[in-house]
Amino acid sequence: MKKFDVRLANYADIPAIQELMAASMASILPRYLDENQVNLSSESMGVDALLIEDGTYYLVFEADVLVGCGGWSARRTLYGNSQTIGRDDSYADHKTEPAKIRAMYTHPDYLRKGIGRLLLKTGEERARAAGFTVMELGATAPGLPFYEALGYCMIEDVSRASADGTVVPVLKMRKSLIGDA
């Protein structure tokens, strides 16, 4: 496996993160969604500045090339960008509520090279260190098989219809962090 460098994201990284997210969505989503669903995906996908502010969003580089991004959150919001409707930015109780894996993207030229696993493992380790025992995430259609392979189970379809009635699938998944060190 290639050697990748991981570091925390900062506000100056947002343009590069947005570029990576756009490239990832443009390449991967059309394999799973129709054109209208792809176009409306930005309503529930994108940069969440609170992850950067909280110091829980990571960037993965190969040399100086940004090849992946993703993180975790101690907040209750399951998915979405900074403007997604229905956010709950309050903090979860680590004793009784799950932490969240958030905003995972891999550059299309770097798929299946361990970047997603690296980001997921990093988020799970940090959440465990913060006292959380359960992780949740909002999986898109392309992410479902990946997360299932890494121990996440679907618990609820939380998809919402857009103003025109189009539904972009979002599936709530959960994994226990107990005994998974």
Protein backbone atom coordinates (compact mmCIF):
# COMPACT_ATOMS: atom_id res chain seq x y z
CA MET A 1 0.00 0.00 0.00
CA LYS A 2 1.20 3.51 -0.75
CA LYS A 3 2.31 5.84 2.00
CA PHE A 4 -0.16 8.63 2.57
CA ASP A 5 0.19 11.61 4.87
CA VAL A 6 -2.75 12.69 7.02
CA ARG A 7 -3.20 16.11 8.58
CA LEU A 8 -5.98 18.21 10.05
CA ALA A 9 -7.79 20.51 7.63
CA ASN A 10 -7.86 24.27 8.15
CA TYR A 11 -10.00 27.03 6.66
CA ALA A 12 -7.40 27.79 3.96
CA ASP A 13 -7.94 24.21 2.67
CA ILE A 14 -11.63 24.74 1.87
CA PRO A 15 -11.16 25.56 -1.86
CA ALA A 16 -9.05 22.41 -2.37
CA ILE A 17 -11.56 20.34 -0.39
CA GLN A 18 -14.42 21.67 -2.52
CA GLU A 19 -12.49 20.82 -5.68
CA LEU A 20 -11.84 17.27 -4.46
CA MET A 21 -15.49 16.81 -3.45
CA ALA A 22 -16.72 18.05 -6.83
CA ALA A 23 -14.35 15.72 -8.72
CA SER A 24 -15.38 12.78 -6.56
CA MET A 25 -19.12 13.43 -6.93
CA ALA A 26 -18.88 14.05 -10.70
CA SER A 27 -17.02 10.79 -11.24
CA ILE A 28 -18.62 8.41 -8.76
CA LEU A 29 -22.25 9.47 -8.25
CA PRO A 30 -23.38 8.97 -11.89
CA ARG A 31 -22.60 5.27 -11.52
CA TYR A 32 -25.33 5.00 -8.86
CA LEU A 33 -27.75 7.90 -9.33
CA ASP A 34 -29.68 9.45 -12.18
CA GLU A 35 -28.71 12.89 -13.52
CA ASN A 36 -31.23 14.81 -11.41
CA GLN A 37 -30.14 13.01 -8.23
CA VAL A 38 -26.50 13.81 -9.01
CA ASN A 39 -27.34 17.49 -9.57
CA LEU A 40 -29.25 17.68 -6.28
CA SER A 41 -26.61 15.87 -4.23
CA SER A 42 -24.97 19.16 -3.31
CA GLU A 43 -27.98 19.88 -1.08
CA SER A 44 -26.74 17.21 1.32
CA MET A 45 -23.04 16.94 0.45
CA GLY A 46 -20.11 19.31 0.77
CA VAL A 47 -17.90 21.12 3.24
CA ASP A 48 -19.09 21.46 6.83
CA ALA A 49 -16.94 24.21 8.35
CA LEU A 50 -17.77 23.05 11.89
CA LEU A 51 -15.72 19.90 11.30
CA ILE A 52 -12.72 22.09 10.52
CA GLU A 53 -13.44 24.36 13.49
CA ASP A 54 -13.72 21.34 15.80
CA GLY A 55 -10.41 19.89 14.57
CA THR A 56 -12.04 16.64 13.43
CA TYR A 57 -11.64 16.86 9.64
CA TYR A 58 -8.64 15.27 7.96
CA LEU A 59 -6.93 15.53 4.62
CA VAL A 60 -4.96 12.74 2.98
CA PHE A 61 -2.06 13.55 0.69
CA GLU A 62 0.18 11.58 -1.59
CA ALA A 63 3.22 13.83 -1.84
CA ASP A 64 1.57 17.26 -2.28
CA VAL A 65 -1.60 15.96 -3.95
CA LEU A 66 -4.87 16.00 -1.97
CA VAL A 67 -6.32 12.53 -2.54
CA GLY A 68 -8.93 12.22 0.19
CA CYS A 69 -10.80 13.98 2.97
CA GLY A 70 -13.12 12.98 5.75
CA GLY A 71 -13.61 13.13 9.45
CA TRP A 72 -15.72 12.54 12.46
CA SER A 73 -17.90 14.68 14.69
CA ALA A 74 -19.04 14.77 18.29
CA ARG A 75 -22.06 16.79 17.16
CA ARG A 76 -25.52 15.37 16.46
CA THR A 77 -25.68 16.30 12.76
CA LEU A 78 -25.51 13.08 10.73
CA TYR A 79 -24.54 14.48 7.34
CA GLY A 80 -24.54 17.56 5.17
CA ASN A 81 -22.70 20.75 4.41
CA SER A 82 -22.72 23.96 6.43
CA GLN A 83 -26.14 24.95 5.00
CA THR A 84 -27.97 21.60 5.03
CA ILE A 85 -31.52 21.92 6.35
CA GLY A 86 -32.30 20.13 9.61
CA ARG A 87 -28.84 20.32 11.19
CA ASP A 88 -28.39 19.82 14.92
CA ASP A 89 -25.01 21.27 15.80
CA SER A 90 -25.32 20.54 19.51
CA TYR A 91 -22.85 18.08 21.00
CA ALA A 92 -23.79 14.45 21.50
CA ASP A 93 -23.37 12.84 24.92
CA HIS A 94 -20.48 10.43 24.43
CA LYS A 95 -21.91 8.13 27.11
CA THR A 96 -25.29 7.59 25.44
CA GLU A 97 -25.09 8.85 21.84
CA PRO A 98 -22.99 8.01 18.78
CA ALA A 99 -20.22 10.04 17.21
CA LYS A 100 -20.55 10.56 13.46
CA ILE A 101 -18.30 9.78 10.51
CA ARG A 102 -18.65 12.73 8.16
CA ALA A 103 -17.95 13.94 4.63
CA MET A 104 -15.75 11.17 3.26
CA TYR A 105 -14.44 11.76 -0.28
CA THR A 106 -11.69 10.16 -2.33
CA HIS A 107 -10.23 11.57 -5.52
CA PRO A 108 -11.46 9.38 -8.43
CA ASP A 109 -7.87 8.62 -9.50
CA TYR A 110 -7.12 7.17 -6.06
CA LEU A 111 -10.08 4.85 -5.43
CA ARG A 112 -9.42 1.44 -3.85
CA LYS A 113 -6.00 2.41 -2.48
CA GLY A 114 -6.89 2.43 1.22
CA ILE A 115 -7.69 6.13 1.60
CA GLY A 116 -11.26 5.60 2.79
CA ARG A 117 -10.15 2.93 5.27
CA LEU A 118 -7.43 5.25 6.56
CA LEU A 119 -9.89 8.10 7.11
CA LEU A 120 -12.51 5.82 8.67
CA LYS A 121 -9.95 4.27 11.04
CA THR A 122 -8.66 7.73 11.99
CA GLY A 123 -12.17 8.97 12.79
CA GLU A 124 -13.08 5.86 14.76
CA GLU A 125 -9.87 6.02 16.79
CA ARG A 126 -10.36 9.70 17.63
CA ALA A 127 -14.01 9.17 18.58
CA ARG A 128 -13.08 6.22 20.77
CA ALA A 129 -10.40 8.34 22.46
CA ALA A 130 -13.10 10.98 23.15
CA GLY A 131 -15.17 8.34 24.97
CA PHE A 132 -17.66 7.35 22.26
CA THR A 133 -18.61 3.68 21.95
CA VAL A 134 -20.80 3.88 18.83
CA MET A 135 -20.34 5.50 15.41
CA GLU A 136 -23.02 6.48 12.92
CA LEU A 137 -22.85 7.84 9.41
CA GLY A 138 -25.09 8.84 6.55
CA ALA A 139 -24.06 6.67 3.61
CA THR A 140 -24.64 7.58 0.00
CA ALA A 141 -25.38 4.84 -2.53
CA PRO A 142 -21.69 4.49 -3.55
CA GLY A 143 -20.57 4.25 0.09
CA LEU A 144 -23.00 1.55 1.23
CA PRO A 145 -20.93 -1.52 0.23
CA PHE A 146 -17.72 0.06 1.55
CA TYR A 147 -19.18 0.79 4.98
CA GLU A 148 -20.89 -2.62 5.20
CA ALA A 149 -17.53 -4.29 4.50
CA LEU A 150 -16.06 -2.38 7.44
CA GLY A 151 -18.70 -3.43 9.95
CA TYR A 152 -21.40 -0.77 9.60
CA CYS A 153 -25.04 -1.90 9.49
CA MET A 154 -27.91 0.05 7.98
CA ILE A 155 -30.45 1.07 10.60
CA GLU A 156 -32.65 3.60 8.79
CA ASP A 157 -33.31 5.24 5.44
CA VAL A 158 -33.11 8.98 6.18
CA SER A 159 -33.44 10.15 2.57
CA ARG A 160 -35.40 13.35 2.03
CA ALA A 161 -37.18 14.56 -1.07
CA SER A 162 -35.93 17.78 -2.67
CA ALA A 163 -38.36 20.57 -3.60
CA ASP A 164 -39.04 18.86 -6.95
CA GLY A 165 -39.67 15.48 -5.27
CA THR A 166 -36.34 13.92 -6.22
CA VAL A 167 -34.90 11.66 -3.54
CA VAL A 168 -31.15 11.33 -3.12
CA PRO A 169 -30.55 8.21 -1.00
CA VAL A 170 -28.98 8.66 2.44
CA LEU A 171 -28.82 5.62 4.68
CA LYS A 172 -28.08 5.85 8.40
CA MET A 173 -25.55 3.20 9.38
CA ARG A 174 -24.13 2.27 12.77
CA LYS A 175 -21.12 0.42 14.20
CA SER A 176 -20.10 -0.41 17.76
CA LEU A 177 -16.59 0.69 18.74
CA ILE A 178 -16.50 -1.66 21.72
CA GLY A 179 -14.01 -4.44 21.15
CA ASP A 180 -13.00 -2.90 17.81
CA ALA A 181 -9.69 -1.38 18.84
